[in-house]
Amino acid sequence: MITHIVLFKLKDGSSENVERTAQVLRDMEGKIDELKSIEVGLDVIHSARSYDIALITRFESMEALEAYQVHPVHKKVIEHINEVREAAVAVDFIS
């Protein structure tokens, strides 16, 4: 199993914008066969080092993660994220 975690810091960290972007991420659920699980979390601390949104996804293999990366549904999500994000960091690990 591969776990893929991405943290997003948005240009506009208002609660409305954060929730809208979180919903864009959640909307991938059930639309990409390779995506075995998805969890979207919103920051509750709001400290200087916090990111606004955490995306945790799981895949059966590296090949499945690679297929997800180029899936049309994910590509539409990337378009939205590229418009709203200030920064993002990621980690991928075998779980």
Protein backbone atom coordinates (compact mmCIF):
# COMPACT_ATOMS: atom_id res chain seq x y z
CA MET A 1 0.00 0.00 0.00
CA ILE A 2 1.26 3.50 -0.87
CA THR A 3 0.15 6.44 1.25
CA HIS A 4 0.31 9.85 -0.48
CA ILE A 5 0.01 12.90 1.77
CA VAL A 6 -0.12 16.49 0.52
CA LEU A 7 -0.42 19.64 2.63
CA PHE A 8 -1.75 22.79 1.00
CA LYS A 9 -1.36 26.41 2.10
CA LEU A 10 -3.82 28.58 0.20
CA LYS A 11 -3.35 32.15 -1.00
CA ASP A 12 -6.72 33.02 0.55
CA GLY A 13 -7.05 31.16 3.84
CA SER A 14 -10.62 32.26 4.51
CA SER A 15 -12.87 29.49 5.80
CA GLU A 16 -15.05 29.72 2.69
CA ASN A 17 -12.11 29.29 0.33
CA VAL A 18 -10.57 26.49 2.38
CA GLU A 19 -13.88 24.60 2.47
CA ARG A 20 -14.44 25.09 -1.28
CA THR A 21 -11.00 23.68 -2.05
CA ALA A 22 -11.47 20.82 0.40
CA GLN A 23 -14.70 19.92 -1.38
CA VAL A 24 -12.91 19.89 -4.75
CA LEU A 25 -10.52 17.34 -3.24
CA ARG A 26 -13.31 15.28 -1.64
CA ASP A 27 -15.15 15.16 -4.95
CA MET A 28 -12.49 12.77 -6.31
CA GLU A 29 -13.89 10.00 -4.10
CA GLY A 30 -15.45 7.22 -6.15
CA LYS A 31 -14.34 8.71 -9.47
CA ILE A 32 -10.81 7.26 -9.76
CA ASP A 33 -10.57 3.46 -9.58
CA GLU A 34 -6.95 3.49 -8.38
CA LEU A 35 -7.81 5.71 -5.40
CA LYS A 36 -8.51 3.24 -2.57
CA SER A 37 -9.15 5.81 0.16
CA ILE A 38 -9.19 9.57 0.59
CA GLU A 39 -9.27 11.77 3.66
CA VAL A 40 -9.33 15.56 3.65
CA GLY A 41 -8.60 17.44 6.85
CA LEU A 42 -8.79 21.15 7.63
CA ASP A 43 -6.34 22.85 9.98
CA VAL A 44 -7.80 23.79 13.36
CA ILE A 45 -4.71 25.40 14.94
CA HIS A 46 -4.03 28.19 12.40
CA SER A 47 -0.49 28.80 13.60
CA ALA A 48 2.24 30.44 11.53
CA ARG A 49 3.61 27.03 10.53
CA SER A 50 0.22 25.45 9.74
CA TYR A 51 -1.00 24.47 6.32
CA ASP A 52 -4.71 24.88 5.53
CA ILE A 53 -5.62 21.45 4.13
CA ALA A 54 -4.24 17.92 4.46
CA LEU A 55 -4.97 15.36 1.75
CA ILE A 56 -4.31 11.71 2.61
CA THR A 57 -4.82 9.16 -0.16
CA ARG A 58 -3.96 5.46 -0.43
CA PHE A 59 -3.13 3.27 -3.40
CA GLU A 60 -2.39 -0.43 -3.90
CA SER A 61 0.91 0.22 -5.72
CA MET A 62 3.23 2.83 -7.19
CA GLU A 63 1.67 2.08 -10.57
CA ALA A 64 -1.76 2.94 -9.16
CA LEU A 65 -0.41 6.22 -7.75
CA GLU A 66 1.12 7.03 -11.14
CA ALA A 67 -2.21 6.30 -12.88
CA TYR A 68 -3.98 8.61 -10.39
CA GLN A 69 -1.51 11.41 -11.14
CA VAL A 70 -2.53 11.49 -14.83
CA HIS A 71 -6.24 10.64 -14.41
CA PRO A 72 -8.53 13.30 -15.98
CA VAL A 73 -10.45 13.85 -12.71
CA HIS A 74 -7.19 14.45 -10.83
CA LYS A 75 -5.92 16.75 -13.58
CA LYS A 76 -9.03 18.96 -13.11
CA VAL A 77 -8.32 19.08 -9.37
CA ILE A 78 -4.72 20.10 -10.11
CA GLU A 79 -6.01 22.99 -12.25
CA HIS A 80 -8.03 24.28 -9.29
CA ILE A 81 -5.17 23.76 -6.83
CA ASN A 82 -2.72 25.60 -9.08
CA GLU A 83 -5.03 28.63 -8.99
CA VAL A 84 -5.54 28.74 -5.22
CA ARG A 85 -2.39 27.39 -3.59
CA GLU A 86 0.44 29.39 -2.15
CA ALA A 87 2.51 26.32 -1.28
CA ALA A 88 2.30 22.55 -1.09
CA VAL A 89 4.46 19.79 0.38
CA ALA A 90 4.08 16.06 -0.08
CA VAL A 91 5.32 12.72 1.17
CA ASP A 92 4.74 9.27 -0.28
CA PHE A 93 5.52 6.12 1.71
CA ILE A 94 4.90 2.41 1.79
CA SER A 95 2.41 1.53 4.50
